PDB file of N, CA and C in Angstrom:
ATOM      1  N   MET A   1       3.759 -13.919  48.753  1.00  0.00           N
ATOM      2  CA  MET A   1       2.902 -13.558  47.598  1.00  0.00           C
ATOM      3  C   MET A   1       4.485 -12.467  47.106  1.00  0.00           C
ATOM      4  N   ALA A   2       3.951 -11.433  46.108  1.00  0.00           N
ATOM      5  CA  ALA A   2       5.037 -11.134  44.826  1.00  0.00           C
ATOM      6  C   ALA A   2       5.547  -9.811  45.573  1.00  0.00           C
ATOM      7  N   LYS A   3       5.908  -8.876  45.770  1.00  0.00           N
ATOM      8  CA  LYS A   3       6.741  -7.891  46.627  1.00  0.00           C
ATOM      9  C   LYS A   3       5.801  -6.728  45.363  1.00  0.00           C
ATOM     10  N   ARG A   4       5.246  -6.725  43.914  1.00  0.00           N
ATOM     11  CA  ARG A   4       5.239  -6.099  43.218  1.00  0.00           C
ATOM     12  C   ARG A   4       4.302  -6.342  42.740  1.00  0.00           C
ATOM     13  N   LYS A   5       3.616  -5.070  42.195  1.00  0.00           N
ATOM     14  CA  LYS A   5       2.145  -5.266  41.250  1.00  0.00           C
ATOM     15  C   LYS A   5       2.099  -4.424  39.644  1.00  0.00           C
ATOM     16  N   ALA A   6       1.582  -5.179  38.534  1.00  0.00           N
ATOM     17  CA  ALA A   6       1.464  -4.185  37.853  1.00  0.00           C
ATOM     18  C   ALA A   6       0.775  -2.976  37.864  1.00  0.00           C
ATOM     19  N   ASN A   7       0.457  -1.877  37.636  1.00  0.00           N
ATOM     20  CA  ASN A   7      -0.530  -0.915  37.652  1.00  0.00           C
ATOM     21  C   ASN A   7      -0.580  -0.207  36.799  1.00  0.00           C
ATOM     22  N   ILE A   8      -2.049  -0.035  36.433  1.00  0.00           N
ATOM     23  CA  ILE A   8      -2.531   0.278  35.344  1.00  0.00           C
ATOM     24  C   ILE A   8      -3.015   1.976  35.082  1.00  0.00           C
ATOM     25  N   ASP A   9      -2.041   2.929  34.419  1.00  0.00           N
ATOM     26  CA  ASP A   9      -3.114   4.013  34.240  1.00  0.00           C
ATOM     27  C   ASP A   9      -4.155   3.553  33.453  1.00  0.00           C
ATOM     28  N   VAL A  10      -5.467   4.023  33.511  1.00  0.00           N
ATOM     29  CA  VAL A  10      -6.596   3.848  32.393  1.00  0.00           C
ATOM     30  C   VAL A  10      -6.362   4.629  31.711  1.00  0.00           C
ATOM     31  N   SER A  11      -5.988   5.999  31.666  1.00  0.00           N
ATOM     32  CA  SER A  11      -6.460   7.686  31.384  1.00  0.00           C
ATOM     33  C   SER A  11      -5.428   7.081  29.937  1.00  0.00           C
ATOM     34  N   ARG A  12      -3.972   6.590  29.982  1.00  0.00           N
ATOM     35  CA  ARG A  12      -3.238   6.227  29.150  1.00  0.00           C
ATOM     36  C   ARG A  12      -3.231   5.128  28.246  1.00  0.00           C
ATOM     37  N   CYS A  13      -4.272   4.030  28.942  1.00  0.00           N
ATOM     38  CA  CYS A  13      -4.112   2.708  28.329  1.00  0.00           C
ATOM     39  C   CYS A  13      -4.803   2.939  27.108  1.00  0.00           C
ATOM     40  N   VAL A  14      -4.531   2.303  25.560  1.00  0.00           N
ATOM     41  CA  VAL A  14      -4.743   2.464  24.677  1.00  0.00           C
ATOM     42  C   VAL A  14      -6.168   0.917  24.665  1.00  0.00           C
ATOM     43  N   ALA A  15      -5.336  -0.223  25.294  1.00  0.00           N
ATOM     44  CA  ALA A  15      -6.182  -1.622  24.937  1.00  0.00           C
ATOM     45  C   ALA A  15      -6.004  -2.057  23.654  1.00  0.00           C
ATOM     46  N   CYS A  16      -4.743  -2.071  23.595  1.00  0.00           N
ATOM     47  CA  CYS A  16      -3.965  -2.661  22.284  1.00  0.00           C
ATOM     48  C   CYS A  16      -3.948  -4.318  22.715  1.00  0.00           C
ATOM     49  N   GLY A  17      -4.023  -5.038  24.009  1.00  0.00           N
ATOM     50  CA  GLY A  17      -3.900  -5.632  24.809  1.00  0.00           C
ATOM     51  C   GLY A  17      -2.137  -6.204  24.774  1.00  0.00           C
ATOM     52  N   VAL A  18      -1.304  -6.213  24.184  1.00  0.00           N
ATOM     53  CA  VAL A  18      -0.373  -6.235  23.944  1.00  0.00           C
ATOM     54  C   VAL A  18       0.377  -6.915  25.454  1.00  0.00           C
ATOM     55  N   CYS A  19       0.287  -5.784  26.236  1.00  0.00           N
ATOM     56  CA  CYS A  19       0.596  -6.168  27.857  1.00  0.00           C
ATOM     57  C   CYS A  19      -0.305  -8.280  28.416  1.00  0.00           C
ATOM     58  N   ARG A  20      -1.700  -8.353  28.163  1.00  0.00           N
ATOM     59  CA  ARG A  20      -2.121  -9.251  28.030  1.00  0.00           C
ATOM     60  C   ARG A  20      -1.808 -10.615  26.996  1.00  0.00           C
ATOM     61  N   LEU A  21      -0.745 -10.472  26.309  1.00  0.00           N
ATOM     62  CA  LEU A  21      -0.023 -11.295  25.805  1.00  0.00           C
ATOM     63  C   LEU A  21       1.110 -11.528  26.113  1.00  0.00           C
ATOM     64  N   GLN A  22       2.364 -10.826  26.699  1.00  0.00           N
ATOM     65  CA  GLN A  22       3.388 -10.749  27.527  1.00  0.00           C
ATOM     66  C   GLN A  22       2.924 -11.184  28.858  1.00  0.00           C
ATOM     67  N   CYS A  23       1.584 -11.136  29.355  1.00  0.00           N
ATOM     68  CA  CYS A  23       1.744 -11.575  30.965  1.00  0.00           C
ATOM     69  C   CYS A  23       2.074 -13.076  30.704  1.00  0.00           C
ATOM     70  N   PRO A  24       2.735 -13.771  31.472  1.00  0.00           N
ATOM     71  CA  PRO A  24       2.952 -15.818  31.377  1.00  0.00           C
ATOM     72  C   PRO A  24       1.995 -15.783  32.433  1.00  0.00           C
ATOM     73  N   ARG A  25       1.206 -15.316  33.767  1.00  0.00           N
ATOM     74  CA  ARG A  25       0.800 -16.044  34.586  1.00  0.00           C
ATOM     75  C   ARG A  25      -1.214 -14.938  34.355  1.00  0.00           C
ATOM     76  N   GLU A  26      -1.226 -14.517  32.793  1.00  0.00           N
ATOM     77  CA  GLU A  26      -2.728 -14.456  32.188  1.00  0.00           C
ATOM     78  C   GLU A  26      -3.527 -13.452  33.163  1.00  0.00           C
ATOM     79  N   ALA A  27      -2.541 -12.620  33.961  1.00  0.00           N
ATOM     80  CA  ALA A  27      -3.278 -11.642  34.806  1.00  0.00           C
ATOM     81  C   ALA A  27      -3.519 -10.396  34.458  1.00  0.00           C
ATOM     82  N   ILE A  28      -3.611 -10.368  32.961  1.00  0.00           N
ATOM     83  CA  ILE A  28      -3.970  -9.160  32.779  1.00  0.00           C
ATOM     84  C   ILE A  28      -5.059  -9.529  31.478  1.00  0.00           C
ATOM     85  N   SER A  29      -6.176  -8.346  31.388  1.00  0.00           N
ATOM     86  CA  SER A  29      -7.739  -8.985  30.720  1.00  0.00           C
ATOM     87  C   SER A  29      -7.867  -6.790  30.038  1.00  0.00           C
ATOM     88  N   ILE A  30      -8.898  -7.730  29.154  1.00  0.00           N
ATOM     89  CA  ILE A  30      -9.164  -6.022  28.506  1.00  0.00           C
ATOM     90  C   ILE A  30      -9.807  -5.234  29.052  1.00  0.00           C
ATOM     91  N   PHE A  31     -10.620  -4.800  30.041  1.00  0.00           N
ATOM     92  CA  PHE A  31     -12.541  -4.688  30.390  1.00  0.00           C
ATOM     93  C   PHE A  31     -13.124  -3.769  29.110  1.00  0.00           C
ATOM     94  N   LYS A  32     -14.011  -4.417  28.630  1.00  0.00           N
ATOM     95  CA  LYS A  32     -14.931  -3.742  27.805  1.00  0.00           C
ATOM     96  C   LYS A  32     -14.370  -3.049  26.557  1.00  0.00           C
ATOM     97  N   GLY A  33     -13.118  -3.848  26.003  1.00  0.00           N
ATOM     98  CA  GLY A  33     -12.378  -3.285  25.367  1.00  0.00           C
ATOM     99  C   GLY A  33     -11.970  -1.858  25.604  1.00  0.00           C
ATOM    100  N   CYS A  34     -12.017  -0.962  26.556  1.00  0.00           N
ATOM    101  CA  CYS A  34     -11.538   0.630  26.832  1.00  0.00           C
ATOM    102  C   CYS A  34      -9.984   0.442  27.688  1.00  0.00           C
ATOM    103  N   TYR A  35      -9.657  -1.030  28.221  1.00  0.00           N
ATOM    104  CA  TYR A  35      -8.898  -0.511  29.293  1.00  0.00           C
ATOM    105  C   TYR A  35      -8.220  -1.860  29.413  1.00  0.00           C
ATOM    106  N   ALA A  36      -6.974  -2.359  30.453  1.00  0.00           N
ATOM    107  CA  ALA A  36      -6.753  -3.326  30.588  1.00  0.00           C
ATOM    108  C   ALA A  36      -6.796  -2.793  32.171  1.00  0.00           C
ATOM    109  N   VAL A  37      -6.959  -4.527  32.725  1.00  0.00           N
ATOM    110  CA  VAL A  37      -6.917  -4.639  34.559  1.00  0.00           C
ATOM    111  C   VAL A  37      -6.402  -5.514  34.965  1.00  0.00           C
ATOM    112  N   VAL A  38      -5.350  -5.503  35.778  1.00  0.00           N
ATOM    113  CA  VAL A  38      -4.551  -6.695  36.525  1.00  0.00           C
ATOM    114  C   VAL A  38      -5.335  -7.653  37.537  1.00  0.00           C
ATOM    115  N   ASN A  39      -5.567  -8.820  37.525  1.00  0.00           N
ATOM    116  CA  ASN A  39      -5.700  -9.190  38.419  1.00  0.00           C
ATOM    117  C   ASN A  39      -4.743  -9.368  39.678  1.00  0.00           C
ATOM    118  N   GLU A  40      -4.509  -8.862  40.430  1.00  0.00           N
ATOM    119  CA  GLU A  40      -3.487  -8.973  41.368  1.00  0.00           C
ATOM    120  C   GLU A  40      -3.285 -10.515  42.567  1.00  0.00           C
ATOM    121  N   ASP A  41      -4.480 -10.734  42.886  1.00  0.00           N
ATOM    122  CA  ASP A  41      -3.914 -12.565  43.149  1.00  0.00           C
ATOM    123  C   ASP A  41      -3.149 -12.730  42.288  1.00  0.00           C
ATOM    124  N   VAL A  42      -2.755 -12.440  40.878  1.00  0.00           N
ATOM    125  CA  VAL A  42      -2.001 -13.888  40.084  1.00  0.00           C
ATOM    126  C   VAL A  42      -1.443 -12.516  39.566  1.00  0.00           C
ATOM    127  N   CYS A  43      -1.090 -11.518  39.966  1.00  0.00           N
ATOM    128  CA  CYS A  43       0.327 -11.143  39.226  1.00  0.00           C
ATOM    129  C   CYS A  43       1.118 -11.613  39.895  1.00  0.00           C
ATOM    130  N   VAL A  44       2.247 -11.530  39.568  1.00  0.00           N
ATOM    131  CA  VAL A  44       3.713 -11.487  39.869  1.00  0.00           C
ATOM    132  C   VAL A  44       4.872 -10.733  39.984  1.00  0.00           C
ATOM    133  N   GLY A  45       4.232  -9.723  39.215  1.00  0.00           N
ATOM    134  CA  GLY A  45       5.457  -7.885  39.533  1.00  0.00           C
ATOM    135  C   GLY A  45       6.428  -8.709  38.968  1.00  0.00           C
ATOM    136  N   CYS A  46       6.741  -9.852  37.347  1.00  0.00           N
ATOM    137  CA  CYS A  46       8.052  -9.638  37.162  1.00  0.00           C
ATOM    138  C   CYS A  46       8.008  -8.290  35.576  1.00  0.00           C
ATOM    139  N   GLY A  47       7.159  -7.368  35.483  1.00  0.00           N
ATOM    140  CA  GLY A  47       7.783  -6.118  34.573  1.00  0.00           C
ATOM    141  C   GLY A  47       6.997  -6.839  33.538  1.00  0.00           C
ATOM    142  N   LEU A  48       7.031  -7.905  33.066  1.00  0.00           N
ATOM    143  CA  LEU A  48       7.626  -8.538  31.119  1.00  0.00           C
ATOM    144  C   LEU A  48       6.144  -7.722  30.689  1.00  0.00           C
ATOM    145  N   CYS A  49       4.975  -6.874  31.644  1.00  0.00           N
ATOM    146  CA  CYS A  49       3.511  -5.879  30.647  1.00  0.00           C
ATOM    147  C   CYS A  49       4.694  -4.822  30.681  1.00  0.00           C
ATOM    148  N   GLU A  50       4.909  -4.192  31.456  1.00  0.00           N
ATOM    149  CA  GLU A  50       5.470  -3.114  31.562  1.00  0.00           C
ATOM    150  C   GLU A  50       6.152  -2.730  30.603  1.00  0.00           C
ATOM    151  N   LYS A  51       7.380  -3.441  30.317  1.00  0.00           N
ATOM    152  CA  LYS A  51       8.228  -3.099  28.639  1.00  0.00           C
ATOM    153  C   LYS A  51       7.439  -3.270  28.111  1.00  0.00           C
ATOM    154  N   ALA A  52       6.642  -3.763  27.245  1.00  0.00           N
ATOM    155  CA  ALA A  52       5.766  -3.958  26.148  1.00  0.00           C
ATOM    156  C   ALA A  52       5.193  -3.109  26.218  1.00  0.00           C
ATOM    157  N   CYS A  53       4.383  -2.531  26.548  1.00  0.00           N
ATOM    158  CA  CYS A  53       2.936  -1.323  27.239  1.00  0.00           C
ATOM    159  C   CYS A  53       3.889  -0.393  26.275  1.00  0.00           C
ATOM    160  N   PRO A  54       3.037  -0.331  24.609  1.00  0.00           N
ATOM    161  CA  PRO A  54       3.843   0.839  23.980  1.00  0.00           C
ATOM    162  C   PRO A  54       3.573   2.623  24.400  1.00  0.00           C
ATOM    163  N   ALA A  55       2.143   2.080  25.065  1.00  0.00           N
ATOM    164  CA  ALA A  55       1.565   3.402  25.390  1.00  0.00           C
ATOM    165  C   ALA A  55       1.905   3.860  27.037  1.00  0.00           C
ATOM    166  N   ASP A  56       2.992   3.102  27.088  1.00  0.00           N
ATOM    167  CA  ASP A  56       3.972   3.454  28.739  1.00  0.00           C
ATOM    168  C   ASP A  56       2.774   3.829  29.667  1.00  0.00           C
ATOM    169  N   ALA A  57       1.919   2.737  29.755  1.00  0.00           N
ATOM    170  CA  ALA A  57       0.196   2.735  30.934  1.00  0.00           C
ATOM    171  C   ALA A  57       0.207   2.496  31.546  1.00  0.00           C
ATOM    172  N   ILE A  58       1.720   1.157  31.693  1.00  0.00           N
ATOM    173  CA  ILE A  58       1.920   0.358  33.216  1.00  0.00           C
ATOM    174  C   ILE A  58       3.254   0.701  34.292  1.00  0.00           C
ATOM    175  N   ASN A  59       2.987   0.448  35.268  1.00  0.00           N
ATOM    176  CA  ASN A  59       4.232   0.507  35.704  1.00  0.00           C
ATOM    177  C   ASN A  59       3.986  -0.192  37.282  1.00  0.00           C
ATOM    178  N   LEU A  60       5.175  -0.703  37.748  1.00  0.00           N
ATOM    179  CA  LEU A  60       5.188  -2.070  38.382  1.00  0.00           C
ATOM    180  C   LEU A  60       5.030  -0.646  40.448  1.00  0.00           C
ATOM    181  N   VAL A  61       4.326  -1.268  40.925  1.00  0.00           N
ATOM    182  CA  VAL A  61       4.710  -0.760  42.204  1.00  0.00           C
ATOM    183  C   VAL A  61       4.186  -1.574  43.084  1.00  0.00           C
ATOM    184  N   GLU A  62       5.225  -0.846  44.531  1.00  0.00           N
ATOM    185  CA  GLU A  62       5.074  -1.876  46.005  1.00  0.00           C
ATOM    186  C   GLU A  62       3.680  -2.500  46.274  1.00  0.00           C
ATOM    187  N   ARG A  63       3.716  -3.810  46.938  1.00  0.00           N
ATOM    188  CA  ARG A  63       2.287  -3.818  47.338  1.00  0.00           C
ATOM    189  C   ARG A  63       2.170  -3.301  48.668  1.00  0.00           C
ATOM    190  N   GLU A  64       1.084  -3.018  49.264  1.00  0.00           N
ATOM    191  CA  GLU A  64       1.043  -2.423  50.600  1.00  0.00           C
ATOM    192  C   GLU A  64       0.913  -3.995  51.400  1.00  0.00           C
ATOM    193  N   ILE A  65       0.768  -4.202  52.480  1.00  0.00           N
ATOM    194  CA  ILE A  65       1.652  -5.521  52.927  1.00  0.00           C
ATOM    195  C   ILE A  65       0.205  -4.807  54.556  1.00  0.00           C
ATOM    196  N   ILE A  66      -0.659  -5.757  54.545  1.00  0.00           N
ATOM    197  CA  ILE A  66      -1.572  -5.777  55.315  1.00  0.00           C
ATOM    198  C   ILE A  66      -1.207  -6.970  56.680  1.00  0.00           C
ATOM    199  N   ASN A  67      -0.498  -6.061  57.961  1.00  0.00           N
ATOM    200  CA  ASN A  67      -0.659  -7.464  58.721  1.00  0.00           C
ATOM    201  C   ASN A  67      -1.860  -7.587  59.776  1.00  0.00           C
ATOM    202  N   GLY A  68      -2.625  -8.444  59.617  1.00  0.00           N
ATOM    203  CA  GLY A  68      -3.694  -8.946  59.817  1.00  0.00           C
ATOM    204  C   GLY A  68      -4.023  -9.587  61.330  1.00  0.00           C
TER     205      GLY A  68
END
């Protein structure tokens, strides 16, 4: 599993869909036309969405590692 994941600040997201178009894994969708959401099981933390976001609403964060 990737060490990082995309995190979307829904208060800044304008639901433009640019991030969704840039994601090579199709891990991002637009929820009810309001904001983007990330499927964490699919996201590989490549950062293409973060670079493309015109609202600066996406940043990459370290994944929590749960030892189980």
